[in-house]
Protein backbone atom coordinates (compact mmCIF):
# COMPACT_ATOMS: atom_id res chain seq x y z
CA UNK A 1 28.38 37.41 -43.85
CA UNK A 2 29.28 35.98 -40.45
CA UNK A 3 31.15 38.01 -37.84
CA UNK A 4 33.81 35.63 -36.53
CA UNK A 5 34.41 37.51 -33.28
CA UNK A 6 30.73 37.36 -32.37
CA UNK A 7 30.54 33.67 -33.26
CA UNK A 8 33.56 32.84 -31.09
CA UNK A 9 32.06 34.84 -28.20
CA UNK A 10 28.83 32.82 -28.46
CA UNK A 11 30.74 29.54 -28.39
CA UNK A 12 32.85 30.60 -25.40
CA UNK A 13 29.71 31.65 -23.52
CA UNK A 14 28.18 28.24 -24.18
CA UNK A 15 31.33 26.52 -22.97
CA UNK A 16 31.27 28.49 -19.71
CA UNK A 17 27.96 26.73 -18.95
CA UNK A 18 29.33 23.26 -19.69
CA UNK A 19 29.78 20.47 -17.16
CA UNK A 20 31.48 17.24 -18.21
CA UNK A 21 32.10 14.23 -16.01
CA UNK A 22 33.08 10.57 -16.11
CA UNK A 23 30.43 8.33 -14.54
CA UNK A 24 30.30 4.57 -13.92
CA UNK A 25 27.19 3.44 -15.76
CA UNK A 26 25.91 1.58 -12.68
CA UNK A 27 25.62 4.89 -10.79
CA UNK A 28 23.25 6.41 -13.35
CA UNK A 29 19.47 6.40 -13.30
CA UNK A 30 16.80 7.37 -15.81
CA UNK A 31 13.59 9.03 -14.62
CA UNK A 32 10.70 10.80 -16.33
CA UNK A 33 9.59 14.34 -15.49
CA UNK A 34 5.86 14.40 -16.16
CA UNK A 35 5.63 18.18 -15.77
CA UNK A 36 8.32 18.77 -18.40
CA UNK A 37 7.31 15.79 -20.52
CA UNK A 38 10.91 14.64 -20.81
CA UNK A 39 13.37 12.06 -19.51
CA UNK A 40 15.85 13.03 -16.80
CA UNK A 41 19.26 11.44 -16.18
CA UNK A 42 20.28 11.15 -12.54
CA UNK A 43 23.99 11.02 -11.66
CA UNK A 44 26.27 11.44 -8.69
CA UNK A 45 29.23 13.77 -9.15
CA UNK A 46 31.68 13.55 -6.27
CA UNK A 47 28.80 12.17 -4.14
CA UNK A 48 26.63 15.15 -5.07
CA UNK A 49 23.34 14.06 -6.74
CA UNK A 50 22.56 15.88 -9.99
CA UNK A 51 19.79 15.69 -12.57
CA UNK A 52 20.07 16.48 -16.26
CA UNK A 53 17.58 16.76 -19.09
CA UNK A 54 18.28 14.72 -22.22
CA UNK A 55 18.22 16.02 -25.79
CA UNK A 56 17.29 13.78 -28.72
CA UNK A 57 20.89 13.06 -29.66
CA UNK A 58 21.96 12.00 -26.15
CA UNK A 59 18.94 9.69 -25.82
CA UNK A 60 20.02 7.98 -29.02
CA UNK A 61 23.58 7.63 -27.73
CA UNK A 62 22.40 6.05 -24.45
CA UNK A 63 20.36 3.52 -26.44
CA UNK A 64 23.34 2.81 -28.67
CA UNK A 65 25.69 2.29 -25.70
CA UNK A 66 23.23 -0.09 -24.03
CA UNK A 67 22.35 -1.98 -27.22
CA UNK A 68 18.71 -0.85 -27.23
CA UNK A 69 17.27 -0.31 -30.75
CA UNK A 70 16.50 3.38 -31.16
CA UNK A 71 13.21 2.59 -32.98
CA UNK A 72 12.06 0.56 -29.98
CA UNK A 73 12.82 3.43 -27.59
CA UNK A 74 11.10 5.91 -29.94
CA UNK A 75 8.02 3.66 -30.06
CA UNK A 76 7.81 3.50 -26.25
CA UNK A 77 8.22 7.27 -26.01
CA UNK A 78 5.66 8.00 -28.75
CA UNK A 79 2.96 5.89 -27.10
CA UNK A 80 3.69 6.99 -23.53
CA UNK A 81 5.26 3.76 -22.24
CA UNK A 82 7.80 5.68 -20.18
CA UNK A 83 7.88 3.22 -17.29
CA UNK A 84 8.82 0.37 -19.63
CA UNK A 85 11.53 2.48 -21.27
CA UNK A 86 12.97 3.40 -17.86
CA UNK A 87 12.83 -0.24 -16.69
CA UNK A 88 14.82 -1.32 -19.75
CA UNK A 89 17.49 1.34 -19.39
CA UNK A 90 17.81 1.28 -15.59
CA UNK A 91 18.22 -2.50 -15.58
CA UNK A 92 21.08 -2.21 -18.06
CA UNK A 93 22.57 0.76 -16.15
CA UNK A 94 22.51 -1.23 -12.90
CA UNK A 95 24.20 -4.28 -14.40
CA UNK A 96 26.78 -2.40 -16.45
CA UNK A 97 30.45 -2.00 -15.54
CA UNK A 98 31.68 0.68 -17.97
CA UNK A 99 32.60 4.30 -17.41
CA UNK A 100 31.06 6.91 -19.67
CA UNK A 101 31.83 10.50 -20.58
CA UNK A 102 28.73 12.61 -19.99
CA UNK A 103 28.73 16.09 -21.56
CA UNK A 104 26.18 18.72 -20.57
CA UNK A 105 25.35 22.39 -21.14
CA UNK A 106 22.97 24.36 -18.92
CA UNK A 107 21.71 21.17 -17.28
CA UNK A 108 21.00 19.27 -20.52
CA UNK A 109 23.02 16.20 -21.55
CA UNK A 110 24.43 16.87 -25.01
CA UNK A 111 26.47 13.67 -25.35
CA UNK A 112 26.80 10.23 -23.77
CA UNK A 113 30.13 8.78 -24.87
CA UNK A 114 32.88 6.29 -24.16
CA UNK A 115 35.36 7.25 -21.45
CA UNK A 116 37.99 7.05 -24.19
CA UNK A 117 36.45 10.01 -26.02
CA UNK A 118 39.10 12.69 -26.45
CA UNK A 119 37.47 16.09 -26.03
CA UNK A 120 38.27 18.70 -28.68
CA UNK A 121 35.77 21.51 -28.22
CA UNK A 122 34.38 23.80 -30.89
CA UNK A 123 35.94 26.91 -29.35
CA UNK A 124 39.38 25.36 -29.94
CA UNK A 125 38.57 24.68 -33.61
CA UNK A 126 37.11 28.14 -34.21
CA UNK A 127 40.11 29.70 -32.44
CA UNK A 128 42.56 27.78 -34.62
CA UNK A 129 40.73 28.77 -37.81
CA UNK A 130 40.42 32.42 -36.74
CA UNK A 131 44.12 32.62 -35.96
CA UNK A 132 45.03 31.05 -39.31
CA UNK A 133 42.98 33.45 -41.46
CA UNK A 134 43.19 36.62 -39.34
CA UNK A 135 45.25 38.70 -41.81
CA UNK A 136 43.14 37.85 -44.85
CA UNK A 137 39.94 38.21 -42.82
CA UNK A 138 40.86 41.67 -41.50
CA UNK A 139 41.80 42.77 -45.02
CA UNK A 140 38.45 41.45 -46.32
CA UNK A 141 40.09 38.96 -48.66
CA UNK A 142 37.89 36.16 -47.32
CA UNK A 143 34.16 35.65 -46.84
CA UNK A 144 32.86 33.60 -43.91
CA UNK A 145 29.63 32.38 -45.50
CA UNK A 146 28.64 30.03 -42.68
CA UNK A 147 29.51 29.47 -39.05
CA UNK A 148 26.97 27.42 -37.16
CA UNK A 149 26.49 24.82 -34.45
CA UNK A 150 23.90 22.07 -34.24
CA UNK A 151 23.34 19.50 -31.49
CA UNK A 152 25.75 17.31 -33.45
CA UNK A 153 28.35 19.45 -35.20
CA UNK A 154 30.18 22.69 -35.81
CA UNK A 155 30.41 23.93 -39.41
CA UNK A 156 32.46 26.76 -40.87
CA UNK A 157 32.63 27.70 -44.55
CA UNK A 158 35.12 30.26 -45.81
CA UNK A 159 35.62 31.39 -49.41
CA UNK A 160 38.36 33.34 -51.17
CA UNK A 161 36.76 35.30 -54.06
CA UNK A 162 40.11 36.16 -55.67
CA UNK A 163 40.72 32.45 -56.38
CA UNK A 164 38.08 31.63 -58.98
CA UNK A 165 37.46 30.05 -62.37
CA UNK A 166 34.81 30.07 -65.10
CA UNK A 167 33.60 26.55 -65.93
CA UNK A 168 31.38 27.80 -68.77
CA UNK A 169 30.34 31.30 -69.79
CA UNK A 170 28.77 32.85 -66.67
CA UNK A 171 29.33 29.74 -64.53
CA UNK A 172 31.90 30.96 -62.00
CA UNK A 173 33.15 29.01 -59.01
CA UNK A 174 35.41 30.19 -56.22
CA UNK A 175 37.75 28.48 -53.78
CA UNK A 176 36.72 27.75 -50.26
CA UNK A 177 37.29 25.56 -47.24
CA UNK A 178 34.83 23.80 -44.95
CA UNK A 179 35.70 22.91 -41.37
CA UNK A 180 33.62 20.59 -39.23
CA UNK A 181 33.93 19.10 -35.78
CA UNK A 182 31.78 17.22 -33.33
CA UNK A 183 32.29 17.68 -29.61
CA UNK A 184 29.39 15.27 -29.04
CA UNK A 185 30.66 12.11 -30.75
CA UNK A 186 29.18 12.57 -34.22
CA UNK A 187 32.33 12.79 -36.29
CA UNK A 188 35.99 13.63 -36.50
CA UNK A 189 37.65 17.00 -37.05
CA UNK A 190 37.58 17.55 -40.82
CA UNK A 191 39.08 20.27 -43.01
CA UNK A 192 38.24 19.99 -46.72
CA UNK A 193 38.32 22.16 -49.83
CA UNK A 194 34.95 23.71 -50.65
CA UNK A 195 33.73 24.95 -54.03
CA UNK A 196 31.22 27.82 -54.08
CA UNK A 197 29.19 28.21 -57.30
CA UNK A 198 28.23 31.86 -57.61
CA UNK A 199 25.35 31.59 -60.10
CA UNK A 200 23.05 30.13 -57.44
CA UNK A 201 25.28 30.08 -54.35
CA UNK A 202 25.35 26.29 -54.26
CA UNK A 203 28.21 24.81 -52.29
CA UNK A 204 30.05 21.54 -52.77
CA UNK A 205 32.46 19.87 -50.37
CA UNK A 206 35.37 18.31 -52.21
CA UNK A 207 35.79 14.93 -50.60
CA UNK A 208 39.54 14.77 -50.46
CA UNK A 209 39.95 15.03 -46.70
CA UNK A 210 43.00 17.27 -46.35
CA UNK A 211 42.88 16.75 -42.63
CA UNK A 212 41.01 14.37 -40.37
CA UNK A 213 41.52 13.67 -36.69
CA UNK A 214 39.40 11.32 -34.60
CA UNK A 215 38.39 11.92 -30.99
CA UNK A 216 40.00 8.94 -29.31
CA UNK A 217 42.23 8.93 -26.27
CA UNK A 218 42.95 6.87 -23.17
CA UNK A 219 40.41 5.81 -20.56
CA UNK A 220 39.67 8.42 -17.89
CA UNK A 221 38.92 8.15 -14.18
CA UNK A 222 35.60 8.88 -12.50
CA UNK A 223 34.82 12.51 -11.69
CA UNK A 224 34.50 15.95 -13.25
CA UNK A 225 36.60 16.54 -16.38
CA UNK A 226 38.63 19.71 -16.04
CA UNK A 227 39.45 21.15 -19.47
CA UNK A 228 41.98 23.64 -18.15
CA UNK A 229 44.45 21.41 -16.30
CA UNK A 230 46.35 19.38 -18.88
CA UNK A 231 49.67 17.58 -18.76
CA UNK A 232 52.58 18.66 -20.94
CA UNK A 233 51.97 15.92 -23.48
CA UNK A 234 48.38 16.96 -24.07
CA UNK A 235 49.44 20.60 -24.26
CA UNK A 236 51.93 19.82 -27.02
CA UNK A 237 49.39 17.64 -28.82
CA UNK A 238 46.86 20.47 -28.83
CA UNK A 239 49.45 22.98 -30.03
CA UNK A 240 50.32 20.66 -32.89
CA UNK A 241 46.64 20.14 -33.72
CA UNK A 242 46.13 23.92 -33.70
CA UNK A 243 49.00 24.36 -36.18
CA UNK A 244 47.78 21.52 -38.42
CA UNK A 245 44.30 22.99 -38.71
CA UNK A 246 45.71 26.40 -39.59
CA UNK A 247 48.05 25.03 -42.25
CA UNK A 248 45.35 22.95 -43.93
CA UNK A 249 42.79 25.80 -43.87
CA UNK A 250 45.22 28.11 -45.67
CA UNK A 251 46.43 25.34 -47.98
CA UNK A 252 42.87 24.55 -49.07
CA UNK A 253 42.45 28.13 -50.31
CA UNK A 254 45.51 28.05 -52.57
CA UNK A 255 45.20 28.29 -56.35
CA UNK A 256 46.99 24.96 -56.89
CA UNK A 257 44.51 23.04 -54.70
CA UNK A 258 41.55 24.86 -56.24
CA UNK A 259 42.76 24.09 -59.76
CA UNK A 260 42.67 20.34 -59.05
CA UNK A 261 38.94 20.65 -58.35
CA UNK A 262 38.38 22.92 -61.37
CA UNK A 263 39.98 20.32 -63.67
CA UNK A 264 37.62 17.64 -62.32
CA UNK A 265 34.61 19.96 -62.69
CA UNK A 266 35.60 20.69 -66.29
CA UNK A 267 35.73 16.96 -67.01
CA UNK A 268 32.36 16.45 -65.29
CA UNK A 269 30.78 19.23 -67.36
CA UNK A 270 31.69 17.31 -70.54
CA UNK A 271 30.29 13.95 -69.39
CA UNK A 272 26.69 13.74 -70.63
CA UNK A 273 24.37 11.62 -68.50
CA UNK A 274 20.97 9.95 -68.70
CA UNK A 275 19.09 11.75 -65.90
CA UNK A 276 16.71 9.00 -64.78
CA UNK A 277 19.37 6.30 -64.69
CA UNK A 278 21.97 8.56 -63.03
CA UNK A 279 19.59 9.69 -60.28
CA UNK A 280 18.50 6.10 -59.60
CA UNK A 281 22.16 5.13 -59.19
CA UNK A 282 23.09 7.95 -56.81
CA UNK A 283 19.83 7.50 -54.85
CA UNK A 284 20.77 3.90 -54.16
CA UNK A 285 24.49 4.53 -53.65
CA UNK A 286 24.10 7.45 -51.23
CA UNK A 287 20.81 6.32 -49.64
CA UNK A 288 18.84 9.41 -50.62
CA UNK A 289 15.20 9.73 -49.57
CA UNK A 290 12.39 9.70 -52.13
CA UNK A 291 11.78 13.42 -51.54
CA UNK A 292 15.49 14.19 -52.05
CA UNK A 293 15.61 12.11 -55.21
CA UNK A 294 12.53 13.88 -56.62
CA UNK A 295 13.96 17.30 -55.76
CA UNK A 296 17.21 16.42 -57.54
CA UNK A 297 15.29 15.28 -60.62
CA UNK A 298 13.23 18.48 -60.62
CA UNK A 299 16.34 20.65 -60.20
CA UNK A 300 18.06 18.82 -63.03
CA UNK A 301 15.03 19.30 -65.29
CA UNK A 302 14.98 23.08 -64.78
CA UNK A 303 18.70 23.81 -64.91
CA UNK A 304 19.86 27.41 -64.74
CA UNK A 305 20.62 29.34 -67.94
CA UNK A 306 24.40 28.94 -67.79
CA UNK A 307 24.07 25.13 -67.72
CA UNK A 308 22.68 24.86 -71.25
CA UNK A 309 22.60 21.81 -73.48
CA UNK A 310 22.37 18.17 -72.46
CA UNK A 311 22.60 17.38 -68.72
CA UNK A 312 26.09 16.48 -67.53
CA UNK A 313 27.57 15.03 -64.38
CA UNK A 314 28.26 18.66 -63.39
CA UNK A 315 24.55 19.39 -63.91
CA UNK A 316 23.73 16.47 -61.60
CA UNK A 317 26.13 17.74 -58.94
CA UNK A 318 24.48 21.16 -59.08
CA UNK A 319 21.04 19.56 -58.76
CA UNK A 320 22.21 17.76 -55.61
CA UNK A 321 23.72 20.90 -54.06
CA UNK A 322 20.64 22.94 -55.06
CA UNK A 323 18.52 20.41 -53.17
CA UNK A 324 20.88 20.75 -50.20
CA UNK A 325 20.28 24.50 -50.14
CA UNK A 326 16.54 23.98 -49.64
CA UNK A 327 16.89 21.63 -46.65
CA UNK A 328 16.33 23.11 -43.20
CA UNK A 329 18.24 20.44 -41.26
CA UNK A 330 21.78 21.85 -41.22
CA UNK A 331 23.46 18.47 -40.70
CA UNK A 332 21.62 16.92 -43.65
CA UNK A 333 22.38 19.99 -45.78
CA UNK A 334 26.10 19.45 -45.21
CA UNK A 335 25.79 15.73 -45.94
CA UNK A 336 24.21 16.47 -49.33
CA UNK A 337 26.93 19.00 -50.16
CA UNK A 338 29.46 16.28 -49.39
CA UNK A 339 27.55 13.88 -51.66
CA UNK A 340 27.91 16.47 -54.43
CA UNK A 341 31.67 16.24 -53.98
CA UNK A 342 31.54 12.45 -54.02
CA UNK A 343 29.74 12.51 -57.36
CA UNK A 344 32.57 14.68 -58.69
CA UNK A 345 34.95 11.79 -57.98
CA UNK A 346 32.45 9.05 -58.86
CA UNK A 347 32.83 7.02 -62.05
CA UNK A 348 29.30 6.94 -63.43
CA UNK A 349 28.36 3.46 -64.73
CA UNK A 350 27.95 3.05 -68.48
CA UNK A 351 24.18 2.65 -68.30
CA UNK A 352 23.89 6.19 -66.93
CA UNK A 353 26.19 7.84 -69.49
CA UNK A 354 25.60 8.95 -73.06
CA UNK A 355 28.59 7.36 -74.78
């Protein structure tokens, strides 16, 4: 299990190495460091020239902001046409008139965003969650089964073993909550119920967003962003956001909320499906890859012992979340777990059901 104190310490240490600033796009410049084999963003911060490395995500965001197709940029990078890529971007930088929020950690740009982006950092989210669950966590009434950061998002998954149900003999699920946030422009703050299936430790995000807040504020002026000097209005807003997150985290772990999901799972376990047709439908609807679709089919074909009999919509959900468990990309893993929850609420077309 995850140690929350250690995780929060890691996030705070990362934040201490962060530099954020607002930059007019026409003051930026893209260069290529041959020795490092990577692009470098040049900027002036309070007339002081600085250089930053770019990660994959921030390169994509620069292309998006400038209207350059990402596949075109990837092609130029793959075949070594760095001068042409820089000419494209620097021309558009020079002739632009927008301000942008640039976020960096340890000299690497982690996000290239609109100047209207309202920063809510991961340490704030983790702090709000930790405060909300501290009594249950200290008393070992909760399990933190995941707490991780990617270049794009923060994820936290917490379960409450005492709130559980048996869907079929030996098929036990327990209540949980999943919290996600992006401090780099890849999604809103989300707090959702989470169902943990104990037989194979598959997880499913229940897609009834109990809380969602977007990162959007007013335009900001050029210069370094100081996270510690806020006006009274922003202070109150953040206090309210802190309280909202805490309330929804605890609310998601209540028996009454959990039971709503259990009732839907029970219904799904009784709905018999035609595997080939059902997988074709969800592959198209949720834009699954061929490899993902094949893995789901294989997982459905060799269902675990407690899921006996004809395959149901619940069987399909478990095949999706089982596939998620095998994926190394954390962001895609979470997306597939969310798709599992969407299938729970999805009305399967007649051609995919055994009537």
